[in-house]
Amino acid sequence: MSNSQSVKAVAKYIRMSPHKIRRVLDQIRGRSYQEALMILEFLPYDAKGPIWQVVHSAAANANHNYGFDKKKLIIDQIFADEGPKLKRIRPRAQGRAYKILKPTCHITVIMKENS
């Protein structure tokens, strides 16, 4: 098996700011799959939920599609891109309306098997 083989999973349109997601991604980048799950389990941030899901999904893809051993997987790349912003309106005094932008993001995880 070639060492360059990588597996990908993407979670799209996550209703959370990419800035808040990246704070958590920086904690688990380059770590093993099991170590990453342990870290995510005990982080105090809400962003850990969708990140846990997509990391878990990437590992399941690796195991099911390529027969990789989950114990040997490491997170090669992990990043959050900006998604479309949901536009909402906040009513203000004297008939004015302020714009509220509710951000979304796409989380991408690329895993490799550690040799």
N, C-alpha and C. Protein backbone atom coordinates (compact mmCIF):
# COMPACT_ATOMS: atom_id res chain seq x y z
N MET A 1 0.85 -1.18 0.00
CA MET A 1 0.00 0.00 0.00
C MET A 1 0.89 1.24 0.00
N SER A 2 0.55 2.25 -0.84
CA SER A 2 1.35 3.47 -0.91
C SER A 2 1.09 4.33 0.31
N ASN A 3 2.10 5.03 0.74
CA ASN A 3 2.00 5.85 1.95
C ASN A 3 1.24 7.15 1.69
N SER A 4 1.05 7.50 0.41
CA SER A 4 0.42 8.77 0.08
C SER A 4 -1.12 8.68 0.11
N GLN A 5 -1.65 7.48 0.33
CA GLN A 5 -3.10 7.29 0.35
C GLN A 5 -3.73 8.08 1.49
N SER A 6 -4.70 8.93 1.15
CA SER A 6 -5.38 9.69 2.19
C SER A 6 -6.89 9.59 2.03
N VAL A 7 -7.58 9.82 3.12
CA VAL A 7 -9.03 9.69 3.16
C VAL A 7 -9.62 11.02 3.62
N LYS A 8 -10.75 11.38 3.03
CA LYS A 8 -11.32 12.70 3.29
C LYS A 8 -12.76 12.60 3.75
N ALA A 9 -13.16 13.52 4.61
CA ALA A 9 -14.57 13.68 4.98
C ALA A 9 -14.83 15.18 5.11
N VAL A 10 -16.00 15.62 4.65
CA VAL A 10 -16.35 17.04 4.69
C VAL A 10 -17.72 17.21 5.34
N ALA A 11 -17.81 18.11 6.31
CA ALA A 11 -19.10 18.49 6.90
C ALA A 11 -19.42 19.89 6.36
N LYS A 12 -20.54 20.01 5.66
CA LYS A 12 -20.85 21.29 5.03
C LYS A 12 -21.99 22.01 5.75
N TYR A 13 -21.98 23.32 5.61
CA TYR A 13 -23.04 24.20 6.13
C TYR A 13 -23.25 24.06 7.63
N ILE A 14 -22.15 23.96 8.38
CA ILE A 14 -22.24 23.90 9.84
C ILE A 14 -22.58 25.30 10.35
N ARG A 15 -23.62 25.39 11.16
CA ARG A 15 -24.08 26.69 11.61
C ARG A 15 -23.22 27.23 12.76
N MET A 16 -21.98 27.55 12.42
CA MET A 16 -21.05 28.08 13.41
C MET A 16 -19.98 28.86 12.68
N SER A 17 -19.45 29.86 13.34
CA SER A 17 -18.43 30.69 12.72
C SER A 17 -17.15 29.89 12.49
N PRO A 18 -16.52 30.03 11.31
CA PRO A 18 -15.27 29.30 11.05
C PRO A 18 -14.17 29.68 12.05
N HIS A 19 -14.24 30.92 12.54
CA HIS A 19 -13.26 31.39 13.52
C HIS A 19 -13.31 30.55 14.80
N LYS A 20 -14.52 30.27 15.26
CA LYS A 20 -14.70 29.47 16.48
C LYS A 20 -14.32 28.01 16.26
N ILE A 21 -14.59 27.52 15.05
CA ILE A 21 -14.25 26.13 14.70
C ILE A 21 -12.73 25.96 14.65
N ARG A 22 -12.03 26.93 14.05
CA ARG A 22 -10.57 26.83 13.87
C ARG A 22 -9.85 26.75 15.21
N ARG A 23 -10.39 27.42 16.23
CA ARG A 23 -9.79 27.39 17.57
C ARG A 23 -9.67 25.95 18.07
N VAL A 24 -10.66 25.13 17.74
CA VAL A 24 -10.65 23.73 18.16
C VAL A 24 -9.80 22.88 17.20
N LEU A 25 -9.87 23.18 15.90
CA LEU A 25 -9.11 22.41 14.92
C LEU A 25 -7.62 22.47 15.19
N ASP A 26 -7.14 23.65 15.63
CA ASP A 26 -5.71 23.82 15.92
C ASP A 26 -5.24 22.88 17.03
N GLN A 27 -6.16 22.46 17.91
CA GLN A 27 -5.81 21.57 19.02
C GLN A 27 -5.54 20.14 18.55
N ILE A 28 -6.22 19.72 17.47
CA ILE A 28 -6.13 18.30 17.08
C ILE A 28 -5.37 18.06 15.78
N ARG A 29 -4.94 19.11 15.12
CA ARG A 29 -4.21 18.96 13.84
C ARG A 29 -2.92 18.18 14.07
N GLY A 30 -2.68 17.15 13.23
CA GLY A 30 -1.45 16.36 13.31
C GLY A 30 -1.46 15.25 14.35
N ARG A 31 -2.54 15.12 15.09
CA ARG A 31 -2.61 14.09 16.13
C ARG A 31 -3.23 12.80 15.57
N SER A 32 -3.11 11.74 16.36
CA SER A 32 -3.72 10.47 15.95
C SER A 32 -5.24 10.57 16.12
N TYR A 33 -5.93 9.68 15.44
CA TYR A 33 -7.40 9.66 15.49
C TYR A 33 -7.92 9.51 16.92
N GLN A 34 -7.36 8.53 17.64
CA GLN A 34 -7.84 8.26 19.00
C GLN A 34 -7.52 9.41 19.96
N GLU A 35 -6.34 9.99 19.78
CA GLU A 35 -5.94 11.13 20.62
C GLU A 35 -6.86 12.32 20.36
N ALA A 36 -7.20 12.53 19.10
CA ALA A 36 -8.09 13.63 18.72
C ALA A 36 -9.46 13.48 19.36
N LEU A 37 -10.00 12.26 19.34
CA LEU A 37 -11.31 12.02 19.95
C LEU A 37 -11.28 12.27 21.45
N MET A 38 -10.17 11.87 22.10
CA MET A 38 -10.01 12.09 23.54
C MET A 38 -10.00 13.59 23.85
N ILE A 39 -9.25 14.35 23.06
CA ILE A 39 -9.16 15.80 23.27
C ILE A 39 -10.54 16.45 23.07
N LEU A 40 -11.21 16.07 21.98
CA LEU A 40 -12.52 16.66 21.68
C LEU A 40 -13.54 16.36 22.78
N GLU A 41 -13.41 15.17 23.36
CA GLU A 41 -14.34 14.75 24.41
C GLU A 41 -14.38 15.75 25.58
N PHE A 42 -13.23 16.33 25.91
CA PHE A 42 -13.13 17.13 27.12
C PHE A 42 -12.95 18.63 26.89
N LEU A 43 -13.05 19.08 25.64
CA LEU A 43 -12.95 20.52 25.37
C LEU A 43 -14.26 21.22 25.78
N PRO A 44 -14.15 22.45 26.29
CA PRO A 44 -15.35 23.15 26.74
C PRO A 44 -16.12 23.88 25.64
N TYR A 45 -15.69 23.77 24.38
CA TYR A 45 -16.30 24.54 23.30
C TYR A 45 -17.42 23.77 22.61
N ASP A 46 -18.45 24.49 22.15
CA ASP A 46 -19.56 23.88 21.42
C ASP A 46 -19.13 23.35 20.06
N ALA A 47 -18.04 23.90 19.52
CA ALA A 47 -17.56 23.51 18.19
C ALA A 47 -17.12 22.05 18.16
N LYS A 48 -16.88 21.47 19.33
CA LYS A 48 -16.37 20.09 19.37
C LYS A 48 -17.35 19.08 18.77
N GLY A 49 -18.65 19.36 18.84
CA GLY A 49 -19.67 18.42 18.34
C GLY A 49 -19.55 18.11 16.87
N PRO A 50 -19.70 19.14 16.00
CA PRO A 50 -19.58 18.88 14.56
C PRO A 50 -18.20 18.40 14.15
N ILE A 51 -17.16 18.84 14.86
CA ILE A 51 -15.79 18.41 14.54
C ILE A 51 -15.64 16.92 14.87
N TRP A 52 -16.14 16.51 16.02
CA TRP A 52 -16.10 15.10 16.43
C TRP A 52 -16.77 14.25 15.35
N GLN A 53 -17.93 14.72 14.87
CA GLN A 53 -18.69 13.97 13.86
C GLN A 53 -17.88 13.76 12.58
N VAL A 54 -17.26 14.84 12.09
CA VAL A 54 -16.56 14.74 10.81
C VAL A 54 -15.27 13.94 10.93
N VAL A 55 -14.59 14.02 12.08
CA VAL A 55 -13.38 13.22 12.31
C VAL A 55 -13.76 11.73 12.37
N HIS A 56 -14.84 11.45 13.08
CA HIS A 56 -15.36 10.09 13.20
C HIS A 56 -15.74 9.54 11.82
N SER A 57 -16.37 10.39 11.01
CA SER A 57 -16.79 10.01 9.66
C SER A 57 -15.59 9.70 8.76
N ALA A 58 -14.54 10.52 8.87
CA ALA A 58 -13.33 10.30 8.07
C ALA A 58 -12.70 8.95 8.42
N ALA A 59 -12.68 8.63 9.71
CA ALA A 59 -12.11 7.35 10.16
C ALA A 59 -12.96 6.18 9.66
N ALA A 60 -14.28 6.36 9.70
CA ALA A 60 -15.19 5.31 9.21
C ALA A 60 -14.99 5.10 7.71
N ASN A 61 -14.81 6.21 6.96
CA ASN A 61 -14.54 6.12 5.51
C ASN A 61 -13.24 5.35 5.27
N ALA A 62 -12.21 5.67 6.05
CA ALA A 62 -10.90 5.03 5.90
C ALA A 62 -11.01 3.53 6.13
N ASN A 63 -11.74 3.19 7.18
CA ASN A 63 -11.90 1.77 7.54
C ASN A 63 -12.75 1.02 6.52
N HIS A 64 -13.88 1.60 6.14
CA HIS A 64 -14.83 0.92 5.27
C HIS A 64 -14.37 0.88 3.81
N ASN A 65 -13.87 2.02 3.31
CA ASN A 65 -13.54 2.11 1.88
C ASN A 65 -12.14 1.61 1.55
N TYR A 66 -11.20 1.76 2.49
CA TYR A 66 -9.80 1.41 2.19
C TYR A 66 -9.22 0.33 3.11
N GLY A 67 -10.01 -0.08 4.11
CA GLY A 67 -9.53 -1.12 5.02
C GLY A 67 -8.42 -0.67 5.95
N PHE A 68 -8.30 0.63 6.19
CA PHE A 68 -7.27 1.14 7.11
C PHE A 68 -7.62 0.76 8.54
N ASP A 69 -6.59 0.65 9.36
CA ASP A 69 -6.77 0.39 10.79
C ASP A 69 -6.96 1.73 11.50
N LYS A 70 -8.08 1.88 12.22
CA LYS A 70 -8.38 3.15 12.89
C LYS A 70 -7.29 3.56 13.89
N LYS A 71 -6.64 2.56 14.48
CA LYS A 71 -5.60 2.84 15.49
C LYS A 71 -4.37 3.52 14.87
N LYS A 72 -4.19 3.32 13.56
CA LYS A 72 -2.99 3.86 12.90
C LYS A 72 -3.24 5.19 12.20
N LEU A 73 -4.49 5.67 12.22
CA LEU A 73 -4.83 6.88 11.48
C LEU A 73 -4.31 8.14 12.19
N ILE A 74 -3.81 9.08 11.38
CA ILE A 74 -3.46 10.40 11.93
C ILE A 74 -4.15 11.48 11.08
N ILE A 75 -4.44 12.61 11.71
CA ILE A 75 -5.07 13.71 11.02
C ILE A 75 -3.99 14.48 10.27
N ASP A 76 -3.97 14.31 8.95
CA ASP A 76 -2.96 14.93 8.10
C ASP A 76 -3.27 16.41 7.91
N GLN A 77 -4.49 16.69 7.48
CA GLN A 77 -4.94 18.08 7.30
C GLN A 77 -6.33 18.21 7.88
N ILE A 78 -6.61 19.38 8.47
CA ILE A 78 -7.96 19.67 8.96
C ILE A 78 -8.14 21.18 8.90
N PHE A 79 -9.20 21.60 8.24
CA PHE A 79 -9.41 23.04 8.10
C PHE A 79 -10.89 23.38 7.96
N ALA A 80 -11.21 24.64 8.23
CA ALA A 80 -12.59 25.12 8.12
C ALA A 80 -12.63 26.28 7.14
N ASP A 81 -13.45 26.12 6.10
CA ASP A 81 -13.65 27.19 5.13
C ASP A 81 -14.97 27.89 5.43
N GLU A 82 -15.06 29.14 4.98
CA GLU A 82 -16.28 29.90 5.18
C GLU A 82 -17.37 29.38 4.25
N GLY A 83 -18.58 29.25 4.77
CA GLY A 83 -19.73 28.89 3.94
C GLY A 83 -20.55 30.14 3.70
N PRO A 84 -21.73 30.00 3.10
CA PRO A 84 -22.59 31.17 2.88
C PRO A 84 -23.12 31.71 4.21
N LYS A 85 -23.31 33.01 4.27
CA LYS A 85 -23.84 33.63 5.49
C LYS A 85 -25.36 33.74 5.37
N LEU A 86 -26.05 33.39 6.45
CA LEU A 86 -27.50 33.57 6.48
C LEU A 86 -27.77 35.03 6.85
N LYS A 87 -28.58 35.73 6.06
CA LYS A 87 -28.86 37.13 6.32
C LYS A 87 -30.16 37.26 7.11
N ARG A 88 -30.10 37.93 8.23
CA ARG A 88 -31.27 38.16 9.08
C ARG A 88 -31.36 39.65 9.40
N ILE A 89 -32.53 40.08 9.87
CA ILE A 89 -32.74 41.49 10.17
C ILE A 89 -33.08 41.68 11.64
N ARG A 90 -32.46 42.71 12.23
CA ARG A 90 -32.73 43.09 13.62
C ARG A 90 -33.49 44.40 13.61
N PRO A 91 -34.73 44.44 14.07
CA PRO A 91 -35.47 45.70 14.10
C PRO A 91 -34.85 46.66 15.12
N ARG A 92 -34.73 47.92 14.73
CA ARG A 92 -34.18 48.94 15.63
C ARG A 92 -35.16 50.11 15.74
N ALA A 93 -34.76 51.09 16.50
CA ALA A 93 -35.64 52.22 16.79
C ALA A 93 -35.98 53.00 15.50
N GLN A 94 -37.15 53.60 15.50
CA GLN A 94 -37.62 54.50 14.43
C GLN A 94 -37.65 53.80 13.07
N GLY A 95 -38.05 52.53 13.07
CA GLY A 95 -38.28 51.83 11.82
C GLY A 95 -37.03 51.39 11.07
N ARG A 96 -35.89 51.54 11.70
CA ARG A 96 -34.66 51.11 11.04
C ARG A 96 -34.50 49.60 11.16
N ALA A 97 -33.66 49.03 10.30
CA ALA A 97 -33.37 47.60 10.36
C ALA A 97 -31.86 47.41 10.25
N TYR A 98 -31.28 46.70 11.21
CA TYR A 98 -29.86 46.37 11.16
C TYR A 98 -29.71 44.95 10.62
N LYS A 99 -28.63 44.76 9.88
CA LYS A 99 -28.37 43.45 9.28
C LYS A 99 -27.64 42.55 10.28
N ILE A 100 -28.07 41.30 10.36
CA ILE A 100 -27.35 40.30 11.15
C ILE A 100 -26.87 39.23 10.18
N LEU A 101 -25.57 38.92 10.22
CA LEU A 101 -25.01 37.86 9.37
C LEU A 101 -24.72 36.64 10.23
N LYS A 102 -25.41 35.56 9.95
CA LYS A 102 -25.17 34.33 10.71
C LYS A 102 -24.26 33.43 9.87
N PRO A 103 -23.01 33.26 10.31
CA PRO A 103 -22.03 32.54 9.48
C PRO A 103 -22.24 31.04 9.49
N THR A 104 -21.82 30.40 8.39
CA THR A 104 -21.75 28.94 8.32
C THR A 104 -20.34 28.58 7.86
N CYS A 105 -19.98 27.31 8.02
CA CYS A 105 -18.66 26.90 7.56
C CYS A 105 -18.67 25.44 7.10
N HIS A 106 -17.62 25.09 6.37
CA HIS A 106 -17.42 23.72 5.89
C HIS A 106 -16.14 23.20 6.55
N ILE A 107 -16.24 22.05 7.23
CA ILE A 107 -15.08 21.45 7.89
C ILE A 107 -14.57 20.29 7.04
N THR A 108 -13.28 20.29 6.72
CA THR A 108 -12.68 19.24 5.92
C THR A 108 -11.60 18.53 6.73
N VAL A 109 -11.65 17.20 6.76
CA VAL A 109 -10.64 16.40 7.46
C VAL A 109 -10.00 15.46 6.44
N ILE A 110 -8.67 15.47 6.40
CA ILE A 110 -7.93 14.53 5.55
C ILE A 110 -7.02 13.70 6.45
N MET A 111 -7.22 12.38 6.41
CA MET A 111 -6.47 11.48 7.28
C MET A 111 -5.53 10.58 6.47
N LYS A 112 -4.44 10.18 7.11
CA LYS A 112 -3.49 9.24 6.50
C LYS A 112 -3.26 8.10 7.49
N GLU A 113 -2.80 6.99 6.95
CA GLU A 113 -2.43 5.87 7.83
C GLU A 113 -0.97 6.04 8.20
N ASN A 114 -0.68 6.03 9.49
CA ASN A 114 0.68 6.18 9.99
C ASN A 114 1.42 4.86 9.82
N SER A 115 2.55 4.88 9.12
CA SER A 115 3.26 3.63 8.87
C SER A 115 4.22 3.29 10.00
